[in-house]
Amino acid sequence: MEVSGTIKLIKEKVEFDSGFVKRAFVLTTDDKYPQDLEIEFMKEKVSELDKFSEGDAVEVAINLRGREYQDKYYTNITGWKISLLKSANERTKDVEAQTETRKNLELETKPELSDDLPF
């Protein structure tokens, strides 16, 4: 499965006594109703998150993992590949360009006031 969106938060790496390492981040989806998803990278995949920063638009290949423990069910989202769609800087430039375009369109479409009275 794949999911895309914007990185909202990148958490610190967590190392366990056994040598197991994981690192999670929060992805805000680009859906009509955006969702915040916590996705974990484990073992050697943890270093892949070092290339990204908060605000980057990314696409993530994920696996859903579920398990039962004492009659309760738990679900994790595990990432195994992440790719950059747009960096935070590019997204900021796009927003600024859209705002400027919108302002220009508003100026062009405003009717000019004249002193001519219709009567």
N, C-alpha and C. Protein backbone atom coordinates (compact mmCIF):
# COMPACT_ATOMS: atom_id res chain seq x y z
N MET A 1 0.84 -1.17 0.00
CA MET A 1 0.00 0.00 0.00
C MET A 1 0.89 1.23 0.00
N GLU A 2 0.34 2.31 -0.52
CA GLU A 2 1.05 3.58 -0.50
C GLU A 2 0.13 4.68 0.01
N VAL A 3 0.71 5.62 0.71
CA VAL A 3 -0.02 6.77 1.22
C VAL A 3 0.85 8.00 1.01
N SER A 4 0.22 9.13 0.68
CA SER A 4 0.99 10.36 0.48
C SER A 4 0.40 11.47 1.33
N GLY A 5 1.25 12.45 1.61
CA GLY A 5 0.83 13.58 2.42
C GLY A 5 2.03 14.41 2.82
N THR A 6 1.85 15.19 3.87
CA THR A 6 2.89 16.10 4.36
C THR A 6 3.38 15.64 5.73
N ILE A 7 4.69 15.66 5.90
CA ILE A 7 5.26 15.28 7.20
C ILE A 7 4.95 16.38 8.21
N LYS A 8 4.23 16.00 9.24
CA LYS A 8 3.84 16.94 10.29
C LYS A 8 4.87 16.97 11.42
N LEU A 9 5.40 15.79 11.76
CA LEU A 9 6.31 15.67 12.89
C LEU A 9 7.20 14.46 12.69
N ILE A 10 8.48 14.62 12.97
CA ILE A 10 9.41 13.49 12.94
C ILE A 10 9.90 13.28 14.38
N LYS A 11 9.67 12.11 14.91
CA LYS A 11 10.05 11.80 16.28
C LYS A 11 11.50 11.34 16.35
N GLU A 12 12.02 11.32 17.56
CA GLU A 12 13.39 10.87 17.80
C GLU A 12 13.49 9.35 17.65
N LYS A 13 14.67 8.89 17.35
CA LYS A 13 14.94 7.46 17.23
C LYS A 13 14.87 6.83 18.63
N VAL A 14 14.29 5.63 18.70
CA VAL A 14 14.17 4.90 19.96
C VAL A 14 14.97 3.61 19.83
N GLU A 15 15.93 3.42 20.78
CA GLU A 15 16.74 2.21 20.78
C GLU A 15 16.41 1.40 22.04
N PHE A 16 16.24 0.10 21.84
CA PHE A 16 15.93 -0.79 22.95
C PHE A 16 17.19 -1.57 23.37
N ASP A 17 17.18 -2.09 24.58
CA ASP A 17 18.32 -2.85 25.10
C ASP A 17 18.69 -4.03 24.20
N SER A 18 17.72 -4.58 23.53
CA SER A 18 17.95 -5.74 22.66
C SER A 18 18.68 -5.36 21.37
N GLY A 19 18.82 -4.04 21.12
CA GLY A 19 19.46 -3.59 19.89
C GLY A 19 18.47 -3.19 18.81
N PHE A 20 17.18 -3.43 19.05
CA PHE A 20 16.13 -3.06 18.11
C PHE A 20 15.99 -1.54 18.08
N VAL A 21 15.83 -0.97 16.88
CA VAL A 21 15.73 0.48 16.70
C VAL A 21 14.49 0.78 15.88
N LYS A 22 13.76 1.85 16.28
CA LYS A 22 12.64 2.31 15.47
C LYS A 22 12.53 3.83 15.56
N ARG A 23 11.88 4.40 14.56
CA ARG A 23 11.67 5.84 14.52
C ARG A 23 10.33 6.09 13.83
N ALA A 24 9.54 6.97 14.39
CA ALA A 24 8.21 7.23 13.85
C ALA A 24 8.11 8.68 13.38
N PHE A 25 7.16 8.89 12.48
CA PHE A 25 6.82 10.25 12.07
C PHE A 25 5.32 10.31 11.86
N VAL A 26 4.78 11.53 11.85
CA VAL A 26 3.36 11.74 11.65
C VAL A 26 3.16 12.32 10.26
N LEU A 27 2.30 11.68 9.49
CA LEU A 27 1.99 12.10 8.13
C LEU A 27 0.56 12.60 8.09
N THR A 28 0.35 13.82 7.58
CA THR A 28 -1.00 14.34 7.37
C THR A 28 -1.36 14.08 5.92
N THR A 29 -2.40 13.28 5.70
CA THR A 29 -2.78 12.90 4.35
C THR A 29 -3.36 14.08 3.58
N ASP A 30 -3.37 13.95 2.25
CA ASP A 30 -3.90 15.00 1.38
C ASP A 30 -5.34 14.71 0.97
N ASP A 31 -6.04 13.91 1.72
CA ASP A 31 -7.41 13.54 1.40
C ASP A 31 -8.38 14.69 1.62
N LYS A 32 -9.61 14.49 1.19
CA LYS A 32 -10.66 15.48 1.41
C LYS A 32 -10.81 15.75 2.91
N TYR A 33 -10.71 14.68 3.70
CA TYR A 33 -10.73 14.78 5.15
C TYR A 33 -9.38 14.29 5.66
N PRO A 34 -8.39 15.20 5.80
CA PRO A 34 -7.02 14.80 6.16
C PRO A 34 -6.96 14.04 7.49
N GLN A 35 -6.08 13.05 7.51
CA GLN A 35 -5.87 12.24 8.70
C GLN A 35 -4.40 12.33 9.10
N ASP A 36 -4.14 12.32 10.40
CA ASP A 36 -2.77 12.25 10.90
C ASP A 36 -2.46 10.79 11.20
N LEU A 37 -1.48 10.24 10.49
CA LEU A 37 -1.10 8.83 10.65
C LEU A 37 0.31 8.75 11.21
N GLU A 38 0.51 7.96 12.26
CA GLU A 38 1.85 7.71 12.76
C GLU A 38 2.40 6.48 12.05
N ILE A 39 3.52 6.67 11.37
CA ILE A 39 4.14 5.59 10.60
C ILE A 39 5.51 5.32 11.20
N GLU A 40 5.83 4.05 11.44
CA GLU A 40 7.11 3.67 12.02
C GLU A 40 8.04 3.07 10.97
N PHE A 41 9.30 3.44 11.07
CA PHE A 41 10.36 2.78 10.30
C PHE A 41 11.21 2.01 11.31
N MET A 42 11.62 0.79 10.95
CA MET A 42 12.35 -0.06 11.89
C MET A 42 13.68 -0.52 11.31
N LYS A 43 14.57 -0.87 12.22
CA LYS A 43 15.88 -1.44 11.93
C LYS A 43 16.67 -0.56 10.97
N GLU A 44 17.16 -1.13 9.87
CA GLU A 44 18.02 -0.38 8.94
C GLU A 44 17.26 0.70 8.18
N LYS A 45 15.94 0.67 8.17
CA LYS A 45 15.13 1.67 7.44
C LYS A 45 15.03 3.00 8.20
N VAL A 46 15.41 3.01 9.48
CA VAL A 46 15.32 4.21 10.31
C VAL A 46 16.10 5.37 9.69
N SER A 47 17.26 5.08 9.11
CA SER A 47 18.11 6.14 8.55
C SER A 47 17.47 6.83 7.35
N GLU A 48 16.48 6.23 6.72
CA GLU A 48 15.82 6.86 5.58
C GLU A 48 15.12 8.16 5.97
N LEU A 49 14.69 8.27 7.21
CA LEU A 49 13.99 9.48 7.66
C LEU A 49 14.93 10.67 7.82
N ASP A 50 16.24 10.42 7.90
CA ASP A 50 17.20 11.51 8.07
C ASP A 50 17.21 12.47 6.88
N LYS A 51 16.77 12.01 5.72
CA LYS A 51 16.79 12.81 4.50
C LYS A 51 15.62 13.79 4.41
N PHE A 52 14.67 13.69 5.33
CA PHE A 52 13.44 14.45 5.23
C PHE A 52 13.27 15.41 6.41
N SER A 53 12.43 16.42 6.20
CA SER A 53 12.16 17.37 7.28
C SER A 53 10.65 17.64 7.34
N GLU A 54 10.24 18.22 8.43
CA GLU A 54 8.83 18.53 8.60
C GLU A 54 8.39 19.51 7.52
N GLY A 55 7.21 19.27 6.96
CA GLY A 55 6.69 20.10 5.88
C GLY A 55 6.91 19.53 4.50
N ASP A 56 7.75 18.50 4.38
CA ASP A 56 7.99 17.86 3.08
C ASP A 56 6.77 17.05 2.67
N ALA A 57 6.44 17.11 1.38
CA ALA A 57 5.39 16.26 0.82
C ALA A 57 6.05 14.96 0.37
N VAL A 58 5.54 13.84 0.86
CA VAL A 58 6.18 12.55 0.60
C VAL A 58 5.13 11.50 0.21
N GLU A 59 5.65 10.43 -0.36
CA GLU A 59 4.85 9.24 -0.62
C GLU A 59 5.54 8.09 0.12
N VAL A 60 4.76 7.31 0.87
CA VAL A 60 5.32 6.27 1.72
C VAL A 60 4.69 4.93 1.37
N ALA A 61 5.55 3.93 1.15
CA ALA A 61 5.08 2.55 0.98
C ALA A 61 4.97 1.95 2.37
N ILE A 62 3.79 1.39 2.68
CA ILE A 62 3.52 0.91 4.04
C ILE A 62 2.98 -0.51 4.05
N ASN A 63 3.09 -1.11 5.22
CA ASN A 63 2.43 -2.37 5.53
C ASN A 63 1.60 -2.14 6.79
N LEU A 64 0.41 -2.72 6.84
CA LEU A 64 -0.40 -2.67 8.05
C LEU A 64 -0.11 -3.92 8.86
N ARG A 65 0.14 -3.74 10.13
CA ARG A 65 0.44 -4.87 11.02
C ARG A 65 -0.60 -4.88 12.15
N GLY A 66 -1.14 -6.03 12.45
CA GLY A 66 -2.11 -6.16 13.52
C GLY A 66 -1.78 -7.35 14.41
N ARG A 67 -2.15 -7.24 15.67
CA ARG A 67 -1.91 -8.35 16.59
C ARG A 67 -2.92 -8.26 17.74
N GLU A 68 -3.07 -9.39 18.41
CA GLU A 68 -3.97 -9.48 19.55
C GLU A 68 -3.13 -9.77 20.80
N TYR A 69 -3.46 -9.08 21.88
CA TYR A 69 -2.78 -9.31 23.14
C TYR A 69 -3.81 -9.16 24.25
N GLN A 70 -4.05 -10.21 24.99
CA GLN A 70 -4.99 -10.23 26.11
C GLN A 70 -6.37 -9.68 25.70
N ASP A 71 -6.88 -10.22 24.62
CA ASP A 71 -8.20 -9.86 24.10
C ASP A 71 -8.32 -8.41 23.62
N LYS A 72 -7.21 -7.76 23.38
CA LYS A 72 -7.21 -6.42 22.79
C LYS A 72 -6.45 -6.49 21.48
N TYR A 73 -6.86 -5.68 20.53
CA TYR A 73 -6.24 -5.70 19.21
C TYR A 73 -5.50 -4.39 18.95
N TYR A 74 -4.32 -4.52 18.38
CA TYR A 74 -3.45 -3.38 18.13
C TYR A 74 -3.06 -3.36 16.65
N THR A 75 -2.98 -2.17 16.10
CA THR A 75 -2.62 -1.99 14.69
C THR A 75 -1.47 -1.01 14.60
N ASN A 76 -0.48 -1.34 13.78
CA ASN A 76 0.65 -0.46 13.51
C ASN A 76 0.77 -0.25 12.01
N ILE A 77 1.26 0.91 11.65
CA ILE A 77 1.58 1.19 10.25
C ILE A 77 3.10 1.23 10.14
N THR A 78 3.66 0.32 9.37
CA THR A 78 5.11 0.22 9.23
C THR A 78 5.51 0.65 7.82
N GLY A 79 6.40 1.64 7.74
CA GLY A 79 6.89 2.10 6.45
C GLY A 79 8.13 1.33 6.04
N TRP A 80 8.29 1.15 4.74
CA TRP A 80 9.50 0.47 4.27
C TRP A 80 10.16 1.22 3.12
N LYS A 81 9.50 2.27 2.61
CA LYS A 81 10.09 3.09 1.56
C LYS A 81 9.42 4.46 1.62
N ILE A 82 10.23 5.52 1.44
CA ILE A 82 9.70 6.87 1.46
C ILE A 82 10.38 7.67 0.35
N SER A 83 9.59 8.46 -0.37
CA SER A 83 10.16 9.27 -1.45
C SER A 83 9.58 10.68 -1.39
N LEU A 84 10.42 11.63 -1.74
CA LEU A 84 10.06 13.04 -1.68
C LEU A 84 9.23 13.43 -2.90
N LEU A 85 8.11 14.10 -2.65
CA LEU A 85 7.30 14.66 -3.73
C LEU A 85 7.64 16.14 -3.90
N LYS A 86 7.65 16.87 -2.77
CA LYS A 86 8.05 18.29 -2.77
C LYS A 86 8.63 18.62 -1.41
N SER A 87 9.73 19.35 -1.43
CA SER A 87 10.33 19.76 -0.16
C SER A 87 9.50 20.87 0.47
N ALA A 88 9.74 21.12 1.74
CA ALA A 88 9.01 22.17 2.46
C ALA A 88 9.24 23.53 1.79
N ASN A 89 10.46 23.78 1.30
CA ASN A 89 10.76 25.05 0.63
C ASN A 89 9.96 25.21 -0.65
N GLU A 90 9.86 24.13 -1.44
CA GLU A 90 9.09 24.19 -2.68
C GLU A 90 7.61 24.41 -2.39
N ARG A 91 7.10 23.78 -1.33
CA ARG A 91 5.69 23.96 -0.97
C ARG A 91 5.42 25.39 -0.57
N THR A 92 6.35 26.02 0.17
CA THR A 92 6.20 27.42 0.57
C THR A 92 6.18 28.32 -0.65
N LYS A 93 7.08 28.07 -1.60
CA LYS A 93 7.11 28.87 -2.83
C LYS A 93 5.83 28.71 -3.62
N ASP A 94 5.29 27.48 -3.68
CA ASP A 94 4.03 27.25 -4.39
C ASP A 94 2.89 28.03 -3.76
N VAL A 95 2.82 28.03 -2.43
CA VAL A 95 1.76 28.74 -1.73
C VAL A 95 1.89 30.24 -1.98
N GLU A 96 3.12 30.76 -1.94
CA GLU A 96 3.33 32.18 -2.20
C GLU A 96 2.92 32.54 -3.63
N ALA A 97 3.26 31.69 -4.59
CA ALA A 97 2.90 31.93 -5.98
C ALA A 97 1.39 31.89 -6.17
N GLN A 98 0.71 30.96 -5.52
CA GLN A 98 -0.74 30.88 -5.62
C GLN A 98 -1.40 32.11 -5.01
N THR A 99 -0.86 32.58 -3.89
CA THR A 99 -1.40 33.78 -3.23
C THR A 99 -1.23 34.98 -4.13
N GLU A 100 -0.06 35.13 -4.74
CA GLU A 100 0.21 36.25 -5.65
C GLU A 100 -0.71 36.20 -6.87
N THR A 101 -0.91 35.02 -7.43
CA THR A 101 -1.80 34.86 -8.58
C THR A 101 -3.23 35.23 -8.20
N ARG A 102 -3.65 34.79 -7.03
CA ARG A 102 -5.00 35.10 -6.57
C ARG A 102 -5.18 36.60 -6.41
N LYS A 103 -4.18 37.28 -5.85
CA LYS A 103 -4.25 38.74 -5.67
C LYS A 103 -4.34 39.43 -7.03
N ASN A 104 -3.53 38.98 -7.98
CA ASN A 104 -3.56 39.58 -9.32
C ASN A 104 -4.91 39.39 -9.99
N LEU A 105 -5.50 38.21 -9.84
CA LEU A 105 -6.82 37.95 -10.43
C LEU A 105 -7.89 38.83 -9.80
N GLU A 106 -7.80 39.03 -8.49
CA GLU A 106 -8.77 39.89 -7.81
C GLU A 106 -8.66 41.32 -8.32
N LEU A 107 -7.44 41.79 -8.53
CA LEU A 107 -7.26 43.15 -9.04
C LEU A 107 -7.81 43.29 -10.46
N GLU A 108 -7.59 42.27 -11.28
CA GLU A 108 -8.06 42.32 -12.66
C GLU A 108 -9.57 42.24 -12.77
N THR A 109 -10.22 41.55 -11.87
CA THR A 109 -11.66 41.35 -11.98
C THR A 109 -12.48 42.39 -11.23
N LYS A 110 -11.85 43.26 -10.46
CA LYS A 110 -12.59 44.31 -9.76
C LYS A 110 -13.09 45.33 -10.78
N PRO A 111 -14.37 45.66 -10.71
CA PRO A 111 -14.88 46.67 -11.64
C PRO A 111 -14.32 48.05 -11.28
N GLU A 112 -14.02 48.77 -12.31
CA GLU A 112 -13.50 50.12 -12.09
C GLU A 112 -14.64 51.06 -11.78
N LEU A 113 -14.41 51.92 -10.84
CA LEU A 113 -15.43 52.90 -10.48
C LEU A 113 -15.29 54.09 -11.43
N SER A 114 -16.40 54.56 -11.91
CA SER A 114 -16.34 55.73 -12.78
C SER A 114 -17.26 56.81 -12.23
N ASP A 115 -17.06 57.97 -12.74
CA ASP A 115 -17.88 59.11 -12.30
C ASP A 115 -19.17 59.21 -13.09
N ASP A 116 -19.33 58.36 -14.09
CA ASP A 116 -20.54 58.40 -14.91
C ASP A 116 -21.70 57.81 -14.12
N LEU A 117 -22.73 58.61 -14.00
CA LEU A 117 -23.94 58.16 -13.31
C LEU A 117 -24.94 57.68 -14.36
N PRO A 118 -25.66 56.64 -14.07
CA PRO A 118 -26.59 56.10 -15.06
C PRO A 118 -27.84 56.94 -15.25
N PHE A 119 -27.99 58.04 -14.55
CA PHE A 119 -29.20 58.87 -14.71
C PHE A 119 -28.83 60.30 -14.95
